[in-house]
Amino acid sequence: MERYAELLARRDFLRHWAAGIGMIALWNLLARDGYAEPAAGSISNPLAPRKPHFTPRAKNVIFLFMEGGPSQIDLFDPKPEMAKLDGQSLPESMRKNLRFAFIKPTSKVWASRRKFQPCGQSGMQFSDWLPHLSACADDLCMVRSMFSDQFNHHPGQLLLHCGSPLVGRPSMGSWLLYGLGSESQNLPGFVVLTSGHGSFSSSGLFTSGFLPSLYQGVPFASTGDPIAYLSNPPGVTQDEQRARLDTLRTLNEKHWRQTGDAEIASRIASYELAFRMQSAAPELLDLSKESSGTLEMYGVHREPTHAYARNCLMARRLVERGVRFVLVSHSSWDDHANLLSGHKKNCEITDQPTAALMKDLKQRGLLKETIVIWGGEFGRTPLAQTAQPGREAVTGRDHHPDAFTMLLAGGGIKGGLTFGRTDDLCMKILEDKVHIHDLHATLLACLGLNHEQLTYRYQGRNFRLTDVAGNVVKPMLV
């Protein structure tokens, strides 16, 4: 009878509690695949480093975003044959299926006035507007065959940064934080730095979208507190602030155990990160320990380079401290008129600091583990857009997504490579087309992530940065 009672007790246990055991097993399976939050009472750091899918070539990314669309024709992709059609309309056979944002297909060809020369051992060609960056030719991969589906700024920028022209999708930096976490304990894993004057004002370019909010980009100010209200109010000591945060954490953890809401875990981590940043951020912004040679190399203490140069130097300091993704945005290259003066000015602002960042990363051994990207959302047309007919001083170029150039370097990217080829007018790509999705897939591969496996389930389906497309461009990799 005692044996029977023992067996009956076991059967009762299984009948009443086996469902709970099954739920525990289910949670472990979901957690392994990234669909479940940590168990109650064991909230972990959502930004803790995670293992990549395979051995990575790079750890960090610095994206030098040239908002507005730089002209590849005047900077990177010389077209001497354009001179033969300069001032003429395109032959009717070439106008078919052309579409532009503002000009008509009958607009006149405007050959570039820039002088190009081969640079470095690779012979990569640069415009005379870029004397500093051209010295880095052998470390750069110049992709002349980029193309986009979007020919207006905001959709084009969203596609470049988020893999979709639709608002509300996670940006590149957010996907990287979600996939890899951050090695920085005292700074955000995704930082945004801006300079210039233009249309870069949309948080959609550094949003976390449907990912937990902790993965979104954090804009830093160039002076004072990098984030508003980061410093304690007058009269509040560090110990008092710590006590307040401990109380908030207790309340938030209680709420999290009741709901399992991932946003609550993000909120807890954000409060803790902000507290640690109160001591880390001032040290980050203090450039007094940088050598005078370094500051001079970047052009930090003079105009017109000051703001952008400071952001480039900050980008290097951020990746040194383990920040995963740094977006450095400079506005604006959108020269529908006055392209000669507008592009010249932007090159004077960005050329030296960009080259300095490349050289600084390389001499510190950081370039081999940091991917640097330079480029805009699309390029410019070979056809002129003239505000006042007959006046060259106000001649510009329209948006052109069908063929443009971007630069990449470091972290597994093949240096000294000019990849892709366009036609004699830079209207169409003739060889090795690279879509934005291909660019994303290639960057993720350098970071040890399979773009098809980096997914997040939302509204009943899996989403990814490359949407349902994208291929790794293997010739661009070492």
Protein backbone atom coordinates (compact mmCIF):
# COMPACT_ATOMS: atom_id res chain seq x y z
CA MET A 1 0.00 0.00 0.00
CA GLU A 2 2.84 2.39 0.80
CA ARG A 3 4.34 1.72 -2.64
CA TYR A 4 0.92 2.35 -4.25
CA ALA A 5 0.57 5.66 -2.39
CA GLU A 6 4.04 6.68 -3.53
CA LEU A 7 3.18 5.92 -7.17
CA LEU A 8 -0.15 7.71 -6.83
CA ALA A 9 1.62 10.77 -5.47
CA ARG A 10 3.93 10.78 -8.47
CA ARG A 11 0.96 10.46 -10.83
CA ASP A 12 -0.78 13.34 -9.07
CA PHE A 13 2.35 15.43 -9.39
CA LEU A 14 2.65 14.74 -13.12
CA ARG A 15 -1.07 15.33 -13.66
CA HIS A 16 -1.09 18.66 -11.84
CA TRP A 17 2.41 19.99 -12.61
CA ALA A 18 3.65 18.43 -15.86
CA ALA A 19 2.32 21.41 -17.79
CA GLY A 20 4.66 23.61 -15.79
CA ILE A 21 7.64 21.41 -16.66
CA GLY A 22 6.64 21.65 -20.29
CA MET A 23 6.48 25.43 -20.06
CA ILE A 24 9.96 25.53 -18.56
CA ALA A 25 11.25 23.42 -21.44
CA LEU A 26 9.43 25.62 -23.95
CA TRP A 27 10.94 28.77 -22.41
CA ASN A 28 14.44 27.31 -22.72
CA LEU A 29 13.87 26.53 -26.38
CA LEU A 30 12.50 30.02 -27.05
CA ALA A 31 15.32 31.68 -25.14
CA ARG A 32 17.89 29.74 -27.14
CA ASP A 33 16.37 31.13 -30.35
CA GLY A 34 16.07 34.65 -28.99
CA TYR A 35 12.28 34.75 -28.59
CA ALA A 36 12.08 34.82 -24.80
CA GLU A 37 13.26 37.24 -22.14
CA PRO A 38 15.37 36.09 -19.18
CA ALA A 39 13.57 34.42 -16.32
CA ALA A 40 12.07 36.58 -13.55
CA GLY A 41 14.63 37.67 -11.03
CA SER A 42 17.50 37.31 -13.50
CA ILE A 43 17.26 40.34 -15.80
CA SER A 44 20.49 40.41 -17.78
CA ASN A 45 22.06 43.28 -19.67
CA PRO A 46 20.30 43.41 -23.08
CA LEU A 47 23.43 45.01 -24.55
CA ALA A 48 25.84 42.34 -23.33
CA PRO A 49 28.15 41.06 -26.14
CA ARG A 50 26.75 38.12 -28.08
CA LYS A 51 28.45 35.53 -30.23
CA PRO A 52 28.28 36.12 -33.99
CA HIS A 53 27.12 33.42 -36.38
CA PHE A 54 30.70 32.85 -37.56
CA THR A 55 34.19 34.26 -37.06
CA PRO A 56 34.02 38.00 -37.77
CA ARG A 57 36.53 40.13 -39.60
CA ALA A 58 35.31 43.34 -37.92
CA LYS A 59 33.88 44.43 -34.57
CA ASN A 60 32.70 48.00 -35.13
CA VAL A 61 31.31 50.29 -37.82
CA ILE A 62 31.77 54.01 -38.47
CA PHE A 63 29.32 55.24 -41.10
CA LEU A 64 30.30 58.64 -42.52
CA PHE A 65 26.93 59.54 -44.01
CA MET A 66 27.09 62.29 -46.62
CA GLU A 67 23.45 63.36 -46.50
CA GLY A 68 21.96 64.69 -49.72
CA GLY A 69 23.79 62.63 -52.35
CA PRO A 70 27.37 63.54 -53.38
CA SER A 71 28.12 63.68 -57.10
CA GLN A 72 30.06 60.59 -58.11
CA ILE A 73 30.78 62.25 -61.48
CA ASP A 74 32.67 65.09 -59.82
CA LEU A 75 34.38 63.05 -57.10
CA PHE A 76 35.07 59.40 -58.00
CA ASP A 77 33.92 58.29 -61.46
CA PRO A 78 35.58 60.36 -64.24
CA LYS A 79 33.82 60.37 -67.60
CA PRO A 80 36.00 62.08 -70.24
CA GLU A 81 33.59 60.98 -72.99
CA MET A 82 30.94 63.29 -71.53
CA ALA A 83 32.84 66.26 -72.95
CA LYS A 84 31.68 65.28 -76.45
CA LEU A 85 28.03 65.80 -75.44
CA ASP A 86 28.58 68.72 -73.09
CA GLY A 87 25.75 71.25 -73.44
CA GLN A 88 23.68 68.92 -75.65
CA SER A 89 20.55 66.90 -74.95
CA LEU A 90 20.83 63.13 -74.86
CA PRO A 91 20.03 61.27 -78.07
CA GLU A 92 16.38 60.25 -78.08
CA SER A 93 17.38 56.57 -77.90
CA MET A 94 19.01 57.18 -74.51
CA ARG A 95 16.03 58.98 -72.94
CA LYS A 96 13.78 55.94 -72.82
CA ASN A 97 12.65 54.94 -69.32
CA LEU A 98 14.67 57.71 -67.68
CA ARG A 99 13.10 59.18 -64.56
CA PHE A 100 14.32 62.04 -62.43
CA ALA A 101 13.06 63.88 -59.37
CA PHE A 102 13.02 67.37 -60.90
CA ILE A 103 14.61 67.62 -64.34
CA LYS A 104 13.37 66.31 -67.68
CA PRO A 105 15.17 63.70 -69.84
CA THR A 106 15.73 66.46 -72.39
CA SER A 107 17.99 68.39 -70.00
CA LYS A 108 21.50 69.15 -71.23
CA VAL A 109 24.57 67.05 -70.48
CA TRP A 110 26.97 68.80 -68.07
CA ALA A 111 30.47 67.32 -68.17
CA SER A 112 32.46 67.55 -64.96
CA ARG A 113 35.03 70.33 -64.75
CA ARG A 114 37.11 68.43 -62.21
CA LYS A 115 40.56 66.99 -62.86
CA PHE A 116 41.12 63.35 -61.90
CA GLN A 117 44.32 61.44 -61.33
CA PRO A 118 45.25 57.86 -60.36
CA CYS A 119 46.38 57.57 -56.74
CA GLY A 120 48.35 55.01 -54.74
CA GLN A 121 49.71 51.74 -56.05
CA SER A 122 46.17 50.74 -57.00
CA GLY A 123 45.72 53.70 -59.36
CA MET A 124 42.30 54.49 -57.89
CA GLN A 125 41.01 57.76 -59.37
CA PHE A 126 39.99 60.77 -57.29
CA SER A 127 38.91 64.30 -58.08
CA ASP A 128 41.16 67.25 -57.28
CA TRP A 129 38.56 68.22 -54.66
CA LEU A 130 39.79 65.29 -52.49
CA PRO A 131 43.58 65.65 -52.08
CA HIS A 132 43.66 64.14 -48.57
CA LEU A 133 41.31 61.20 -49.06
CA SER A 134 43.09 60.24 -52.28
CA ALA A 135 46.20 59.50 -50.18
CA CYS A 136 44.22 56.62 -48.59
CA ALA A 137 43.45 55.00 -51.95
CA ASP A 138 45.16 51.69 -51.19
CA ASP A 139 43.08 51.19 -48.02
CA LEU A 140 39.77 51.97 -49.74
CA CYS A 141 37.31 49.92 -51.73
CA MET A 142 35.60 52.25 -54.21
CA VAL A 143 32.25 50.79 -55.25
CA ARG A 144 31.18 52.62 -58.43
CA SER A 145 28.21 50.35 -59.11
CA MET A 146 25.86 51.13 -56.23
CA PHE A 147 22.18 51.54 -57.01
CA SER A 148 18.99 52.24 -55.08
CA ASP A 149 15.25 51.90 -55.67
CA GLN A 150 14.51 55.39 -54.33
CA PHE A 151 15.18 58.76 -55.96
CA ASN A 152 13.85 61.07 -53.23
CA HIS A 153 15.84 61.88 -50.12
CA HIS A 154 13.86 60.55 -47.20
CA PRO A 155 12.85 57.19 -48.74
CA GLY A 156 16.40 56.84 -50.07
CA GLN A 157 17.92 57.56 -46.67
CA LEU A 158 15.56 55.11 -44.98
CA LEU A 159 16.48 52.40 -47.49
CA LEU A 160 20.19 53.02 -46.94
CA HIS A 161 19.96 53.05 -43.16
CA CYS A 162 17.07 50.66 -42.49
CA GLY A 163 16.84 48.42 -45.56
CA SER A 164 13.34 49.71 -46.35
CA PRO A 165 11.88 53.04 -47.55
CA LEU A 166 9.08 52.60 -44.99
CA VAL A 167 9.17 54.48 -41.69
CA GLY A 168 9.46 52.37 -38.55
CA ARG A 169 12.03 49.73 -39.52
CA PRO A 170 15.16 49.22 -37.37
CA SER A 171 18.33 50.90 -38.60
CA MET A 172 21.68 49.23 -39.30
CA GLY A 173 23.12 50.20 -35.93
CA SER A 174 20.08 48.82 -34.12
CA TRP A 175 20.31 45.51 -35.98
CA LEU A 176 23.98 45.23 -35.03
CA LEU A 177 23.25 45.89 -31.35
CA TYR A 178 20.46 43.33 -31.45
CA GLY A 179 22.72 40.75 -33.11
CA LEU A 180 26.04 41.41 -31.37
CA GLY A 181 25.40 43.59 -28.31
CA SER A 182 28.04 46.11 -27.29
CA GLU A 183 31.44 45.80 -25.66
CA SER A 184 31.04 49.22 -24.03
CA GLN A 185 29.64 49.12 -20.51
CA ASN A 186 29.55 52.88 -19.95
CA LEU A 187 28.43 54.29 -23.31
CA PRO A 188 25.56 53.53 -25.70
CA GLY A 189 26.31 50.88 -28.28
CA PHE A 190 24.98 53.08 -31.10
CA VAL A 191 25.91 56.79 -31.17
CA VAL A 192 24.84 59.50 -33.64
CA LEU A 193 26.97 62.61 -34.37
CA THR A 194 25.84 65.36 -36.77
CA SER A 195 27.28 68.42 -38.49
CA GLY A 196 26.42 70.79 -41.33
CA HIS A 197 23.12 72.25 -42.45
CA GLY A 198 20.48 70.23 -44.22
CA SER A 199 17.63 67.78 -43.94
CA PHE A 200 19.15 65.23 -41.55
CA SER A 201 16.56 65.57 -38.83
CA SER A 202 14.67 62.31 -38.95
CA SER A 203 15.08 59.95 -36.01
CA GLY A 204 13.87 57.28 -38.44
CA LEU A 205 17.47 56.94 -39.62
CA PHE A 206 18.65 55.74 -36.22
CA THR A 207 15.49 54.24 -34.81
CA SER A 208 15.16 50.80 -33.27
CA GLY A 209 11.80 50.37 -35.01
CA PHE A 210 10.03 47.31 -33.68
CA LEU A 211 13.15 46.14 -31.81
CA PRO A 212 13.33 47.02 -28.09
CA SER A 213 14.03 50.73 -27.66
CA LEU A 214 17.42 50.13 -26.01
CA TYR A 215 18.81 49.35 -29.47
CA GLN A 216 18.10 52.78 -30.97
CA GLY A 217 20.81 55.30 -31.75
CA VAL A 218 21.63 57.96 -29.17
CA PRO A 219 22.35 61.44 -30.61
CA PHE A 220 25.29 63.19 -28.93
CA ALA A 221 25.68 66.94 -28.72
CA SER A 222 29.09 68.34 -29.67
CA THR A 223 29.44 70.54 -26.57
CA GLY A 224 28.34 70.38 -22.93
CA ASP A 225 26.42 67.30 -21.86
CA PRO A 226 26.37 64.89 -24.82
CA ILE A 227 22.81 64.03 -23.81
CA ALA A 228 20.41 66.56 -22.31
CA TYR A 229 19.91 66.30 -18.54
CA LEU A 230 22.71 63.76 -18.16
CA SER A 231 24.24 65.72 -15.27
CA ASN A 232 22.60 65.62 -11.86
CA PRO A 233 20.54 68.69 -10.88
CA PRO A 234 22.25 71.06 -8.41
CA GLY A 235 22.19 69.65 -4.89
CA VAL A 236 21.77 66.00 -5.93
CA THR A 237 24.80 63.89 -5.05
CA GLN A 238 25.94 60.73 -6.84
CA ASP A 239 24.90 58.64 -3.82
CA GLU A 240 21.42 60.14 -3.83
CA GLN A 241 21.09 59.51 -7.54
CA ARG A 242 22.18 55.89 -7.01
CA ALA A 243 19.58 55.43 -4.28
CA ARG A 244 16.84 56.78 -6.53
CA LEU A 245 17.82 54.47 -9.36
CA ASP A 246 17.88 51.48 -7.01
CA THR A 247 14.31 52.28 -5.97
CA LEU A 248 13.22 52.66 -9.59
CA ARG A 249 14.91 49.39 -10.48
CA THR A 250 13.05 47.56 -7.72
CA LEU A 251 9.70 48.89 -8.94
CA ASN A 252 10.50 48.22 -12.60
CA GLU A 253 11.66 44.66 -11.87
CA LYS A 254 8.42 43.98 -10.01
CA HIS A 255 6.44 45.26 -12.98
CA TRP A 256 8.59 43.24 -15.39
CA ARG A 257 7.95 40.01 -13.47
CA GLN A 258 4.23 40.65 -13.78
CA THR A 259 4.18 41.49 -17.48
CA GLY A 260 7.35 40.13 -19.09
CA ASP A 261 7.42 43.29 -21.22
CA ALA A 262 10.81 43.64 -22.96
CA GLU A 263 10.49 47.43 -22.90
CA ILE A 264 10.68 47.36 -19.10
CA ALA A 265 13.99 45.48 -19.24
CA SER A 266 15.16 48.10 -21.78
CA ARG A 267 14.10 50.88 -19.42
CA ILE A 268 16.04 49.35 -16.52
CA ALA A 269 19.15 48.98 -18.68
CA SER A 270 18.78 52.56 -19.98
CA TYR A 271 18.65 54.01 -16.45
CA GLU A 272 21.74 52.03 -15.44
CA LEU A 273 23.61 53.04 -18.60
CA ALA A 274 22.73 56.71 -18.06
CA PHE A 275 24.13 56.53 -14.52
CA ARG A 276 27.41 55.03 -15.75
CA MET A 277 27.58 57.60 -18.54
CA GLN A 278 27.60 60.43 -16.00
CA SER A 279 31.23 59.60 -15.33
CA ALA A 280 32.22 58.16 -18.73
CA ALA A 281 30.84 60.88 -21.02
CA PRO A 282 32.88 63.83 -19.69
CA GLU A 283 36.07 61.83 -20.17
CA LEU A 284 34.98 60.93 -23.71
CA LEU A 285 34.40 64.56 -24.65
CA ASP A 286 37.64 65.80 -23.11
CA LEU A 287 40.12 66.06 -25.99
CA SER A 288 42.88 67.61 -23.87
CA LYS A 289 44.76 64.30 -23.74
CA GLU A 290 44.87 64.06 -27.53
CA SER A 291 48.22 65.18 -28.94
CA SER A 292 48.48 68.50 -30.75
CA GLY A 293 49.57 66.53 -33.81
CA THR A 294 46.38 64.48 -33.76
CA LEU A 295 44.16 67.54 -33.35
CA GLU A 296 45.98 69.26 -36.20
CA MET A 297 45.73 66.19 -38.42
CA TYR A 298 41.94 66.14 -38.04
CA GLY A 299 41.56 69.94 -38.27
CA VAL A 300 39.70 70.19 -34.96
CA HIS A 301 40.71 73.74 -34.04
CA ARG A 302 40.07 75.53 -37.31
CA GLU A 303 37.33 76.24 -39.80
CA PRO A 304 35.67 75.01 -41.88
CA THR A 305 36.62 71.55 -40.60
CA HIS A 306 36.01 72.02 -36.85
CA ALA A 307 32.56 70.42 -36.31
CA TYR A 308 32.98 67.49 -38.70
CA ALA A 309 36.60 66.96 -37.62
CA ARG A 310 35.57 66.76 -33.98
CA ASN A 311 32.91 64.19 -34.86
CA CYS A 312 35.45 62.07 -36.77
CA LEU A 313 37.84 62.15 -33.83
CA MET A 314 34.96 61.34 -31.47
CA ALA A 315 34.08 58.37 -33.68
CA ARG A 316 37.58 56.97 -33.22
CA ARG A 317 37.37 57.53 -29.44
CA LEU A 318 33.97 55.82 -29.33
CA VAL A 319 35.06 52.64 -31.13
CA GLU A 320 38.16 52.55 -28.90
CA ARG A 321 35.73 52.34 -25.97
CA GLY A 322 33.76 49.47 -27.47
CA VAL A 323 30.86 51.34 -29.10
CA ARG A 324 29.51 49.06 -31.81
CA PHE A 325 28.13 51.54 -34.37
CA VAL A 326 28.86 55.25 -34.86
CA LEU A 327 26.85 57.28 -37.36
CA VAL A 328 28.61 60.51 -38.37
CA SER A 329 26.25 62.53 -40.55
CA HIS A 330 27.22 65.63 -42.51
CA SER A 331 24.56 67.72 -44.28
CA SER A 332 24.04 68.58 -47.07
CA TRP A 333 25.34 67.59 -50.50
CA ASP A 334 21.98 68.22 -52.17
CA ASP A 335 23.26 70.69 -54.77
CA HIS A 336 20.48 71.18 -57.30
CA ALA A 337 22.09 74.57 -57.93
CA ASN A 338 25.55 75.97 -57.24
CA LEU A 339 27.12 72.51 -57.24
CA LEU A 340 30.58 73.88 -57.97
CA SER A 341 30.65 76.03 -54.84
CA GLY A 342 28.52 73.66 -52.72
CA HIS A 343 30.50 70.50 -53.36
CA LYS A 344 33.79 72.36 -53.13
CA LYS A 345 32.83 73.65 -49.68
CA ASN A 346 31.71 70.23 -48.46
CA CYS A 347 34.94 68.67 -49.68
CA GLU A 348 36.92 71.33 -47.82
CA ILE A 349 34.95 70.42 -44.68
CA THR A 350 35.11 66.62 -44.93
CA ASP A 351 38.18 65.64 -46.95
CA GLN A 352 40.92 66.18 -44.37
CA PRO A 353 39.04 64.82 -41.31
CA THR A 354 37.91 61.71 -43.20
CA ALA A 355 41.47 60.95 -44.29
CA ALA A 356 42.71 61.68 -40.77
CA LEU A 357 40.22 59.18 -39.33
CA MET A 358 41.40 56.53 -41.77
CA LYS A 359 45.08 57.14 -40.95
CA ASP A 360 44.44 57.37 -37.21
CA LEU A 361 42.53 54.08 -37.12
CA LYS A 362 45.24 52.39 -39.17
CA GLN A 363 48.19 53.55 -37.07
CA ARG A 364 46.39 52.45 -33.89
CA GLY A 365 45.63 49.01 -35.31
CA LEU A 366 41.88 49.72 -35.24
CA LEU A 367 41.19 49.80 -38.98
CA LYS A 368 41.49 46.03 -39.31
CA GLU A 369 38.57 45.59 -36.88
CA THR A 370 36.54 48.70 -37.81
CA ILE A 371 34.56 49.10 -41.04
CA VAL A 372 34.45 52.67 -42.34
CA ILE A 373 31.71 53.58 -44.83
CA TRP A 374 31.55 56.88 -46.77
CA GLY A 375 28.58 57.76 -48.94
CA GLY A 376 25.10 59.18 -49.43
CA GLU A 377 21.66 57.85 -50.26
CA PHE A 378 22.22 58.18 -54.05
CA GLY A 379 24.32 60.07 -56.60
CA ARG A 380 23.76 62.92 -59.05
CA THR A 381 22.79 63.03 -62.72
CA PRO A 382 25.14 63.74 -65.63
CA LEU A 383 22.45 66.16 -66.81
CA ALA A 384 22.41 69.74 -65.58
CA GLN A 385 19.73 71.27 -63.44
CA THR A 386 19.88 75.00 -64.07
CA ALA A 387 17.92 77.45 -61.96
CA GLN A 388 18.68 80.35 -64.33
CA PRO A 389 19.40 79.25 -67.91
CA GLY A 390 22.74 80.33 -69.25
CA ARG A 391 24.41 80.92 -65.87
CA GLU A 392 26.89 78.17 -65.05
CA ALA A 393 27.31 79.46 -61.49
CA VAL A 394 23.87 78.17 -60.57
CA THR A 395 24.12 74.83 -62.35
CA GLY A 396 23.55 71.72 -60.27
CA ARG A 397 22.63 68.07 -60.67
CA ASP A 398 19.44 66.15 -59.89
CA HIS A 399 19.05 62.93 -57.85
CA HIS A 400 20.39 59.79 -59.51
CA PRO A 401 19.84 56.40 -57.80
CA ASP A 402 20.70 54.21 -60.81
CA ALA A 403 24.50 54.45 -60.53
CA PHE A 404 26.55 56.03 -57.77
CA THR A 405 29.70 55.51 -55.69
CA MET A 406 30.37 54.59 -52.07
CA LEU A 407 33.68 54.01 -50.27
CA LEU A 408 34.42 51.26 -47.76
CA ALA A 409 37.53 50.36 -45.78
CA GLY A 410 38.83 48.17 -42.96
CA GLY A 411 37.38 45.14 -41.21
CA GLY A 412 37.69 42.56 -43.99
CA ILE A 413 37.09 44.95 -46.91
CA LYS A 414 39.60 44.66 -49.77
CA GLY A 415 41.67 47.84 -50.04
CA GLY A 416 42.86 49.34 -53.32
CA LEU A 417 39.89 47.87 -55.20
CA THR A 418 37.76 49.82 -57.67
CA PHE A 419 34.64 47.68 -58.01
CA GLY A 420 31.96 47.97 -60.69
CA ARG A 421 31.77 49.96 -63.91
CA THR A 422 29.31 52.48 -65.30
CA ASP A 423 28.69 53.68 -68.86
CA ASP A 424 30.36 56.72 -70.45
CA LEU A 425 27.77 59.09 -68.97
CA CYS A 426 27.49 57.39 -65.56
CA MET A 427 23.82 56.81 -66.29
CA LYS A 428 23.74 53.02 -66.04
CA ILE A 429 25.81 50.26 -64.45
CA LEU A 430 27.59 47.97 -66.88
CA GLU A 431 29.31 45.55 -64.48
CA ASP A 432 28.90 44.24 -60.91
CA LYS A 433 25.72 45.95 -59.73
CA VAL A 434 25.51 46.36 -55.94
CA HIS A 435 22.11 47.08 -54.43
CA ILE A 436 21.70 48.58 -50.96
CA HIS A 437 20.62 45.14 -49.71
CA ASP A 438 23.86 43.65 -51.08
CA LEU A 439 25.83 46.32 -49.24
CA HIS A 440 24.05 45.44 -46.00
CA ALA A 441 24.56 41.70 -46.49
CA THR A 442 28.29 42.27 -47.11
CA LEU A 443 28.74 44.48 -44.05
CA LEU A 444 26.94 41.97 -41.83
CA ALA A 445 29.17 39.20 -43.20
CA CYS A 446 32.26 41.19 -42.18
CA LEU A 447 30.81 41.37 -38.67
CA GLY A 448 30.21 37.62 -38.50
CA LEU A 449 26.46 37.75 -39.13
CA ASN A 450 24.48 35.84 -41.73
CA HIS A 451 21.98 38.41 -43.04
CA GLU A 452 19.37 35.70 -43.60
CA GLN A 453 19.63 34.49 -39.99
CA LEU A 454 19.63 37.90 -38.30
CA THR A 455 15.85 38.09 -37.92
CA TYR A 456 13.24 39.41 -35.52
CA ARG A 457 9.67 38.19 -35.43
CA TYR A 458 7.11 40.97 -35.58
CA GLN A 459 3.44 40.97 -36.57
CA GLY A 460 3.50 37.33 -37.55
CA ARG A 461 6.61 37.18 -39.71
CA ASN A 462 10.38 37.38 -39.50
CA PHE A 463 11.99 40.66 -40.49
CA ARG A 464 15.61 41.33 -41.35
CA LEU A 465 17.78 44.28 -42.41
CA THR A 466 18.03 42.94 -45.97
CA ASP A 467 14.26 42.36 -46.19
CA VAL A 468 13.90 39.37 -48.58
CA ALA A 469 16.90 40.12 -50.79
CA GLY A 470 20.62 40.78 -50.61
CA ASN A 471 23.78 38.86 -51.48
CA VAL A 472 27.27 39.07 -49.99
CA VAL A 473 29.58 40.69 -52.55
CA LYS A 474 32.54 38.35 -52.05
CA PRO A 475 34.98 40.11 -54.44
CA MET A 476 34.90 43.10 -52.09
CA LEU A 477 36.22 41.00 -49.18
CA VAL A 478 39.78 39.96 -48.39
